[in-house]
Structure formats: structure tokens, C-alpha cells
Protein backbone atom coordinates (compact mmCIF):
# COMPACT_ATOMS: atom_id res chain seq x y z
CA GLY A 1 -113.04 -92.30 220.83
CA ASN A 2 -110.26 -95.33 221.76
CA LEU A 3 -112.13 -97.88 223.30
CA GLU A 4 -110.30 -100.47 224.57
CA ILE A 5 -112.39 -103.95 223.13
CA GLY A 6 -109.65 -106.67 223.30
CA ARG A 7 -106.07 -107.95 223.36
CA VAL A 8 -104.20 -109.06 220.73
CA THR A 9 -103.09 -113.13 221.87
CA SER A 10 -100.68 -114.17 218.94
CA ALA A 11 -99.56 -112.30 216.10
CA ILE A 12 -97.69 -113.70 212.66
CA TYR A 13 -97.35 -112.52 209.23
CA SER A 14 -98.46 -114.74 206.70
CA PRO A 15 -96.76 -115.09 203.56
CA ARG A 16 -99.55 -116.89 201.69
CA LEU A 17 -102.02 -114.10 202.53
CA ASN A 18 -99.31 -111.48 202.39
CA LEU A 19 -101.24 -109.52 205.13
CA ASN A 20 -100.30 -109.80 208.95
CA ILE A 21 -103.11 -112.13 210.77
CA ALA A 22 -103.73 -112.20 214.67
CA LEU A 23 -105.86 -113.87 217.53
CA ALA A 24 -107.55 -112.10 220.27
CA MET A 25 -109.99 -112.00 222.71
CA VAL A 26 -112.48 -109.32 222.09
CA ASP A 27 -115.24 -107.85 223.89
CA ILE A 28 -118.61 -110.24 222.95
CA ASN A 29 -120.19 -107.02 221.98
CA PHE A 30 -117.84 -105.80 219.11
CA SER A 31 -117.04 -109.34 218.29
CA HIS A 32 -119.11 -109.00 214.89
CA ILE A 33 -118.13 -110.42 211.91
CA GLY A 34 -117.13 -107.77 209.45
CA MET A 35 -116.51 -105.00 212.56
CA GLU A 36 -113.44 -103.02 212.70
CA ALA A 37 -110.90 -102.13 214.59
CA GLN A 38 -107.76 -100.58 215.30
CA ILE A 39 -104.57 -102.37 216.93
CA TYR A 40 -102.29 -99.96 219.06
CA SER A 41 -98.42 -101.06 219.86
CA PRO A 42 -95.70 -99.38 220.93
CA LEU A 43 -94.10 -98.97 217.36
CA ALA A 44 -97.60 -99.18 215.29
CA LYS A 45 -101.03 -98.76 214.55
CA TYR A 46 -102.77 -101.36 212.41
CA ASN A 47 -106.43 -101.86 211.36
CA ALA A 48 -107.94 -104.96 211.91
CA LYS A 49 -111.25 -106.67 210.88
CA ILE A 50 -112.74 -109.82 212.37
CA VAL A 51 -113.37 -112.70 210.08
CA GLU A 52 -115.06 -115.86 210.25
CA LYS A 53 -113.68 -118.96 212.37
CA PRO A 54 -111.78 -121.35 211.77
CA PHE A 55 -109.45 -118.90 210.24
CA TYR A 56 -106.91 -121.86 210.11
CA ASP A 57 -107.73 -123.43 206.69
CA PRO A 58 -106.19 -127.37 206.85
CA LYS A 59 -107.41 -128.44 203.65
CA LYS A 60 -105.68 -125.10 201.42
CA ARG A 61 -109.15 -124.00 200.12
CA LEU A 62 -108.57 -120.48 200.93
CA THR A 63 -107.97 -118.68 197.72
CA VAL A 64 -107.05 -114.78 197.94
CA THR A 65 -107.86 -112.14 195.18
CA GLN A 66 -106.05 -108.55 195.08
């Protein structure tokens, strides 16, 4: 079903990751690392994944592979 578990508070495209990224307020029962969800906007539906914080990488240690 379509259970609402939270709301996106901000979102932006990351050219470094070549992905859309977002911050969201999510019900604690649905906030487990690795959990997947769908985000609905007026224009589209997006797949999302709960990831470890901090997502921000100030020392640029994050590596991206495809």
C-alpha cells in the first residue's frame, strides 16, 4: 500500500554523485539504514534509500563507483 512515512524537507541534484539527493523527516519505525521507499511529487515518483549520516562528506572521502 501507499503508507505515508514522512516528508522530504529539501532535495537537489548532485553532479558529483550523478544522483538526486534529499533530506527527509521519516517516522522512526521506517528509518532503518538500507530501507527503501518511494517519494511522490506532483511530477514524478522516485525511488529512495535510507543511508547513513552524515551524508555530507566535508573531507571528500566519498568514492562513487558504477
